[in-house]
């Protein structure tokens, strides 16, 4: 199935969870937020949230600065 992550197209297996996607993308889970179709997914729900075909996913990494 096909999804978009930060405006880049990806092909992933069906039944992929948010947690699995973050791991596949080799992203650190510290300080990131994930939204699917403009709805934020709490990190405690990542292992149980199944990504659907054509989902538009935004992954944001927080930065520190002043």
PDB file of N, CA and C in Angstrom:
ATOM      1  N   UNK A   1       0.839  -1.169   0.000  1.00  0.00           N
ATOM      2  CA  UNK A   1       0.000   0.000   0.000  1.00  0.00           C
ATOM      3  C   UNK A   1       0.883   1.229   0.000  1.00  0.00           C
ATOM      4  N   UNK A   2       0.316   2.341  -0.403  1.00  0.00           N
ATOM      5  CA  UNK A   2       1.087   3.568  -0.571  1.00  0.00           C
ATOM      6  C   UNK A   2       0.639   4.629   0.421  1.00  0.00           C
ATOM      7  N   UNK A   3       1.625   5.319   0.986  1.00  0.00           N
ATOM      8  CA  UNK A   3       1.367   6.417   1.928  1.00  0.00           C
ATOM      9  C   UNK A   3       2.301   7.564   1.583  1.00  0.00           C
ATOM     10  N   UNK A   4       2.064   8.702   2.219  1.00  0.00           N
ATOM     11  CA  UNK A   4       2.985   9.821   2.123  1.00  0.00           C
ATOM     12  C   UNK A   4       3.474  10.137   3.522  1.00  0.00           C
ATOM     13  N   UNK A   5       4.789  10.326   3.646  1.00  0.00           N
ATOM     14  CA  UNK A   5       5.386  10.752   4.902  1.00  0.00           C
ATOM     15  C   UNK A   5       6.146  12.033   4.607  1.00  0.00           C
ATOM     16  N   UNK A   6       5.707  13.117   5.232  1.00  0.00           N
ATOM     17  CA  UNK A   6       6.341  14.424   5.001  1.00  0.00           C
ATOM     18  C   UNK A   6       6.478  14.713   3.499  1.00  0.00           C
ATOM     19  N   UNK A   7       5.393  14.467   2.765  1.00  0.00           N
ATOM     20  CA  UNK A   7       5.286  14.733   1.326  1.00  0.00           C
ATOM     21  C   UNK A   7       6.164  13.836   0.449  1.00  0.00           C
ATOM     22  N   UNK A   8       6.660  12.727   0.986  1.00  0.00           N
ATOM     23  CA  UNK A   8       7.418  11.760   0.208  1.00  0.00           C
ATOM     24  C   UNK A   8       6.629  10.454   0.171  1.00  0.00           C
ATOM     25  N   UNK A   9       6.472   9.889  -1.025  1.00  0.00           N
ATOM     26  CA  UNK A   9       5.697   8.654  -1.180  1.00  0.00           C
ATOM     27  C   UNK A   9       6.519   7.449  -0.728  1.00  0.00           C
ATOM     28  N   UNK A  10       5.836   6.533  -0.036  1.00  0.00           N
ATOM     29  CA  UNK A  10       6.444   5.284   0.418  1.00  0.00           C
ATOM     30  C   UNK A  10       5.478   4.145   0.140  1.00  0.00           C
ATOM     31  N   UNK A  11       6.046   2.980  -0.114  1.00  0.00           N
ATOM     32  CA  UNK A  11       5.246   1.763  -0.201  1.00  0.00           C
ATOM     33  C   UNK A  11       5.563   0.941   1.034  1.00  0.00           C
ATOM     34  N   UNK A  12       4.524   0.576   1.787  1.00  0.00           N
ATOM     35  CA  UNK A  12       4.712  -0.191   3.019  1.00  0.00           C
ATOM     36  C   UNK A  12       3.754  -1.383   3.006  1.00  0.00           C
ATOM     37  N   UNK A  13       4.054  -2.402   3.817  1.00  0.00           N
ATOM     38  CA  UNK A  13       3.150  -3.553   3.893  1.00  0.00           C
ATOM     39  C   UNK A  13       1.841  -3.186   4.599  1.00  0.00           C
ATOM     40  N   UNK A  14       0.791  -3.902   4.271  1.00  0.00           N
ATOM     41  CA  UNK A  14      -0.478  -3.720   4.983  1.00  0.00           C
ATOM     42  C   UNK A  14      -0.290  -4.089   6.445  1.00  0.00           C
ATOM     43  N   UNK A  15      -1.121  -3.515   7.299  1.00  0.00           N
ATOM     44  CA  UNK A  15      -1.108  -3.759   8.742  1.00  0.00           C
ATOM     45  C   UNK A  15       0.137  -3.181   9.441  1.00  0.00           C
ATOM     46  N   UNK A  16       0.814  -2.235   8.795  1.00  0.00           N
ATOM     47  CA  UNK A  16       1.956  -1.575   9.431  1.00  0.00           C
ATOM     48  C   UNK A  16       1.441  -0.587  10.472  1.00  0.00           C
ATOM     49  N   UNK A  17       2.046  -0.617  11.653  1.00  0.00           N
ATOM     50  CA  UNK A  17       1.672   0.326  12.708  1.00  0.00           C
ATOM     51  C   UNK A  17       2.561   1.566  12.629  1.00  0.00           C
ATOM     52  N   UNK A  18       2.146   2.604  13.331  1.00  0.00           N
ATOM     53  CA  UNK A  18       2.954   3.824  13.402  1.00  0.00           C
ATOM     54  C   UNK A  18       4.327   3.497  13.996  1.00  0.00           C
ATOM     55  N   UNK A  19       4.346   2.679  15.039  1.00  0.00           N
ATOM     56  CA  UNK A  19       5.618   2.293  15.670  1.00  0.00           C
ATOM     57  C   UNK A  19       6.539   1.614  14.665  1.00  0.00           C
ATOM     58  N   UNK A  20       6.003   0.689  13.888  1.00  0.00           N
ATOM     59  CA  UNK A  20       6.808  -0.013  12.893  1.00  0.00           C
ATOM     60  C   UNK A  20       7.325   0.951  11.824  1.00  0.00           C
ATOM     61  N   UNK A  21       6.493   1.897  11.416  1.00  0.00           N
ATOM     62  CA  UNK A  21       6.914   2.871  10.410  1.00  0.00           C
ATOM     63  C   UNK A  21       8.075   3.712  10.923  1.00  0.00           C
ATOM     64  N   UNK A  22       7.962   4.203  12.142  1.00  0.00           N
ATOM     65  CA  UNK A  22       9.034   5.012  12.722  1.00  0.00           C
ATOM     66  C   UNK A  22      10.330   4.202  12.777  1.00  0.00           C
ATOM     67  N   UNK A  23      10.224   2.927  13.145  1.00  0.00           N
ATOM     68  CA  UNK A  23      11.402   2.062  13.195  1.00  0.00           C
ATOM     69  C   UNK A  23      11.972   1.825  11.793  1.00  0.00           C
ATOM     70  N   UNK A  24      11.098   1.607  10.803  1.00  0.00           N
ATOM     71  CA  UNK A  24      11.557   1.379   9.426  1.00  0.00           C
ATOM     72  C   UNK A  24      12.280   2.602   8.872  1.00  0.00           C
ATOM     73  N   UNK A  25      11.825   3.779   9.280  1.00  0.00           N
ATOM     74  CA  UNK A  25      12.448   5.019   8.816  1.00  0.00           C
ATOM     75  C   UNK A  25      13.701   5.356   9.612  1.00  0.00           C
ATOM     76  N   UNK A  26      14.021   4.509  10.605  1.00  0.00           N
ATOM     77  CA  UNK A  26      15.207   4.671  11.445  1.00  0.00           C
ATOM     78  C   UNK A  26      15.249   6.037  12.121  1.00  0.00           C
ATOM     79  N   UNK A  27      14.088   6.439  12.637  1.00  0.00           N
ATOM     80  CA  UNK A  27      13.991   7.715  13.337  1.00  0.00           C
ATOM     81  C   UNK A  27      14.050   7.478  14.837  1.00  0.00           C
ATOM     82  N   UNK A  28      14.708   8.365  15.526  1.00  0.00           N
ATOM     83  CA  UNK A  28      14.700   8.313  16.987  1.00  0.00           C
ATOM     84  C   UNK A  28      13.303   8.688  17.459  1.00  0.00           C
ATOM     85  N   UNK A  29      12.800   7.970  18.439  1.00  0.00           N
ATOM     86  CA  UNK A  29      11.446   8.255  18.922  1.00  0.00           C
ATOM     87  C   UNK A  29      11.416   9.404  19.926  1.00  0.00           C
ATOM     88  N   UNK A  30      12.586   9.865  20.343  1.00  0.00           N
ATOM     89  CA  UNK A  30      12.642  10.973  21.298  1.00  0.00           C
ATOM     90  C   UNK A  30      12.347  12.290  20.598  1.00  0.00           C
ATOM     91  N   UNK A  31      11.373  13.009  21.112  1.00  0.00           N
ATOM     92  CA  UNK A  31      11.084  14.343  20.614  1.00  0.00           C
ATOM     93  C   UNK A  31      10.412  14.420  19.266  1.00  0.00           C
ATOM     94  N   UNK A  32       9.703  13.360  18.851  1.00  0.00           N
ATOM     95  CA  UNK A  32       8.970  13.450  17.590  1.00  0.00           C
ATOM     96  C   UNK A  32       7.471  13.332  17.846  1.00  0.00           C
ATOM     97  N   UNK A  33       6.726  13.926  16.950  1.00  0.00           N
ATOM     98  CA  UNK A  33       5.264  13.835  16.984  1.00  0.00           C
ATOM     99  C   UNK A  33       4.816  13.310  15.619  1.00  0.00           C
ATOM    100  N   UNK A  34       3.752  12.512  15.635  1.00  0.00           N
ATOM    101  CA  UNK A  34       3.236  11.922  14.408  1.00  0.00           C
ATOM    102  C   UNK A  34       1.766  12.305  14.254  1.00  0.00           C
ATOM    103  N   UNK A  35       1.421  12.765  13.055  1.00  0.00           N
ATOM    104  CA  UNK A  35       0.024  13.061  12.735  1.00  0.00           C
ATOM    105  C   UNK A  35      -0.347  12.282  11.481  1.00  0.00           C
ATOM    106  N   UNK A  36      -1.521  11.680  11.506  1.00  0.00           N
ATOM    107  CA  UNK A  36      -2.057  10.975  10.340  1.00  0.00           C
ATOM    108  C   UNK A  36      -3.289  11.734   9.883  1.00  0.00           C
ATOM    109  N   UNK A  37      -3.251  12.197   8.645  1.00  0.00           N
ATOM    110  CA  UNK A  37      -4.360  12.966   8.081  1.00  0.00           C
ATOM    111  C   UNK A  37      -4.759  14.113   9.006  1.00  0.00           C
ATOM    112  N   UNK A  38      -3.762  14.810   9.517  1.00  0.00           N
ATOM    113  CA  UNK A  38      -3.897  16.007  10.350  1.00  0.00           C
ATOM    114  C   UNK A  38      -4.448  15.725  11.742  1.00  0.00           C
ATOM    115  N   UNK A  39      -4.386  14.474  12.203  1.00  0.00           N
ATOM    116  CA  UNK A  39      -4.789  14.109  13.557  1.00  0.00           C
ATOM    117  C   UNK A  39      -3.586  13.526  14.281  1.00  0.00           C
ATOM    118  N   UNK A  40      -3.190  14.174  15.379  1.00  0.00           N
ATOM    119  CA  UNK A  40      -2.023  13.729  16.129  1.00  0.00           C
ATOM    120  C   UNK A  40      -2.305  12.374  16.766  1.00  0.00           C
ATOM    121  N   UNK A  41      -1.305  11.494  16.694  1.00  0.00           N
ATOM    122  CA  UNK A  41      -1.391  10.171  17.311  1.00  0.00           C
ATOM    123  C   UNK A  41      -0.449  10.180  18.519  1.00  0.00           C
ATOM    124  N   UNK A  42      -0.996   9.952  19.701  1.00  0.00           N
ATOM    125  CA  UNK A  42      -0.172   9.910  20.904  1.00  0.00           C
ATOM    126  C   UNK A  42       0.827   8.770  20.793  1.00  0.00           C
ATOM    127  N   UNK A  43       2.043   9.003  21.294  1.00  0.00           N
ATOM    128  CA  UNK A  43       3.073   7.964  21.163  1.00  0.00           C
ATOM    129  C   UNK A  43       2.695   6.678  21.895  1.00  0.00           C
ATOM    130  N   UNK A  44       1.835   6.759  22.893  1.00  0.00           N
ATOM    131  CA  UNK A  44       1.384   5.539  23.568  1.00  0.00           C
ATOM    132  C   UNK A  44       0.473   4.703  22.667  1.00  0.00           C
ATOM    133  N   UNK A  45      -0.087   5.328  21.617  1.00  0.00           N
ATOM    134  CA  UNK A  45      -0.967   4.616  20.679  1.00  0.00           C
ATOM    135  C   UNK A  45      -0.252   4.146  19.419  1.00  0.00           C
ATOM    136  N   UNK A  46       1.031   4.477  19.261  1.00  0.00           N
ATOM    137  CA  UNK A  46       1.758   4.085  18.052  1.00  0.00           C
ATOM    138  C   UNK A  46       1.732   2.582  17.805  1.00  0.00           C
ATOM    139  N   UNK A  47       1.940   1.743  18.832  1.00  0.00           N
ATOM    140  CA  UNK A  47       1.968   0.292  18.557  1.00  0.00           C
ATOM    141  C   UNK A  47       0.619  -0.277  18.106  1.00  0.00           C
ATOM    142  N   UNK A  48      -0.475   0.405  18.412  1.00  0.00           N
ATOM    143  CA  UNK A  48      -1.798  -0.131  18.069  1.00  0.00           C
ATOM    144  C   UNK A  48      -2.476   0.610  16.918  1.00  0.00           C
ATOM    145  N   UNK A  49      -1.863   1.674  16.411  1.00  0.00           N
ATOM    146  CA  UNK A  49      -2.456   2.452  15.324  1.00  0.00           C
ATOM    147  C   UNK A  49      -1.973   1.913  13.985  1.00  0.00           C
ATOM    148  N   UNK A  50      -2.909   1.363  13.220  1.00  0.00           N
ATOM    149  CA  UNK A  50      -2.610   0.777  11.913  1.00  0.00           C
ATOM    150  C   UNK A  50      -2.711   1.869  10.848  1.00  0.00           C
ATOM    151  N   UNK A  51      -1.696   1.940  10.016  1.00  0.00           N
ATOM    152  CA  UNK A  51      -1.691   2.902   8.911  1.00  0.00           C
ATOM    153  C   UNK A  51      -2.516   2.332   7.767  1.00  0.00           C
ATOM    154  N   UNK A  52      -3.288   3.205   7.118  1.00  0.00           N
ATOM    155  CA  UNK A  52      -4.160   2.783   6.015  1.00  0.00           C
ATOM    156  C   UNK A  52      -3.604   3.292   4.688  1.00  0.00           C
ATOM    157  N   UNK A  53      -3.995   2.624   3.614  1.00  0.00           N
ATOM    158  CA  UNK A  53      -3.596   3.027   2.276  1.00  0.00           C
ATOM    159  C   UNK A  53      -3.957   4.489   2.030  1.00  0.00           C
ATOM    160  N   UNK A  54      -3.044   5.233   1.450  1.00  0.00           N
ATOM    161  CA  UNK A  54      -3.212   6.635   1.087  1.00  0.00           C
ATOM    162  C   UNK A  54      -3.188   7.600   2.285  1.00  0.00           C
ATOM    163  N   UNK A  55      -2.818   7.121   3.469  1.00  0.00           N
ATOM    164  CA  UNK A  55      -2.700   8.029   4.609  1.00  0.00           C
ATOM    165  C   UNK A  55      -1.609   9.056   4.340  1.00  0.00           C
ATOM    166  N   UNK A  56      -1.835  10.265   4.831  1.00  0.00           N
ATOM    167  CA  UNK A  56      -0.865  11.346   4.732  1.00  0.00           C
ATOM    168  C   UNK A  56      -0.301  11.559   6.134  1.00  0.00           C
ATOM    169  N   UNK A  57       0.964  11.226   6.307  1.00  0.00           N
ATOM    170  CA  UNK A  57       1.580  11.221   7.628  1.00  0.00           C
ATOM    171  C   UNK A  57       2.597  12.343   7.710  1.00  0.00           C
ATOM    172  N   UNK A  58       2.549  13.046   8.828  1.00  0.00           N
ATOM    173  CA  UNK A  58       3.499  14.128   9.092  1.00  0.00           C
ATOM    174  C   UNK A  58       4.261  13.747  10.358  1.00  0.00           C
ATOM    175  N   UNK A  59       5.587  13.737  10.248  1.00  0.00           N
ATOM    176  CA  UNK A  59       6.437  13.463  11.405  1.00  0.00           C
ATOM    177  C   UNK A  59       7.252  14.722  11.669  1.00  0.00           C
ATOM    178  N   UNK A  60       7.105  15.235  12.882  1.00  0.00           N
ATOM    179  CA  UNK A  60       7.777  16.476  13.260  1.00  0.00           C
ATOM    180  C   UNK A  60       8.735  16.185  14.390  1.00  0.00           C
ATOM    181  N   UNK A  61       9.962  16.682  14.259  1.00  0.00           N
ATOM    182  CA  UNK A  61      10.957  16.545  15.308  1.00  0.00           C
ATOM    183  C   UNK A  61      11.089  17.879  16.028  1.00  0.00           C
ATOM    184  N   UNK A  62      10.944  17.829  17.345  1.00  0.00           N
ATOM    185  CA  UNK A  62      11.082  19.078  18.107  1.00  0.00           C
ATOM    186  C   UNK A  62      12.548  19.460  18.178  1.00  0.00           C
ATOM    187  N   UNK A  63      12.785  20.747  18.189  1.00  0.00           N
ATOM    188  CA  UNK A  63      14.151  21.259  18.290  1.00  0.00           C
ATOM    189  C   UNK A  63      14.210  22.214  19.461  1.00  0.00           C
ATOM    190  N   UNK A  64      15.390  22.331  20.010  1.00  0.00           N
ATOM    191  CA  UNK A  64      15.592  23.236  21.123  1.00  0.00           C
ATOM    192  C   UNK A  64      16.331  24.439  20.612  1.00  0.00           C
ATOM    193  N   UNK A  65      15.973  25.565  21.125  1.00  0.00           N
ATOM    194  CA  UNK A  65      16.662  26.778  20.698  1.00  0.00           C
ATOM    195  C   UNK A  65      16.162  27.973  21.473  1.00  0.00           C
ATOM    196  N   UNK A  66      16.728  29.069  21.174  1.00  0.00           N
ATOM    197  CA  UNK A  66      16.318  30.237  21.925  1.00  0.00           C
ATOM    198  C   UNK A  66      16.471  31.487  21.158  1.00  0.00           C
TER     199      UNK A  66
END
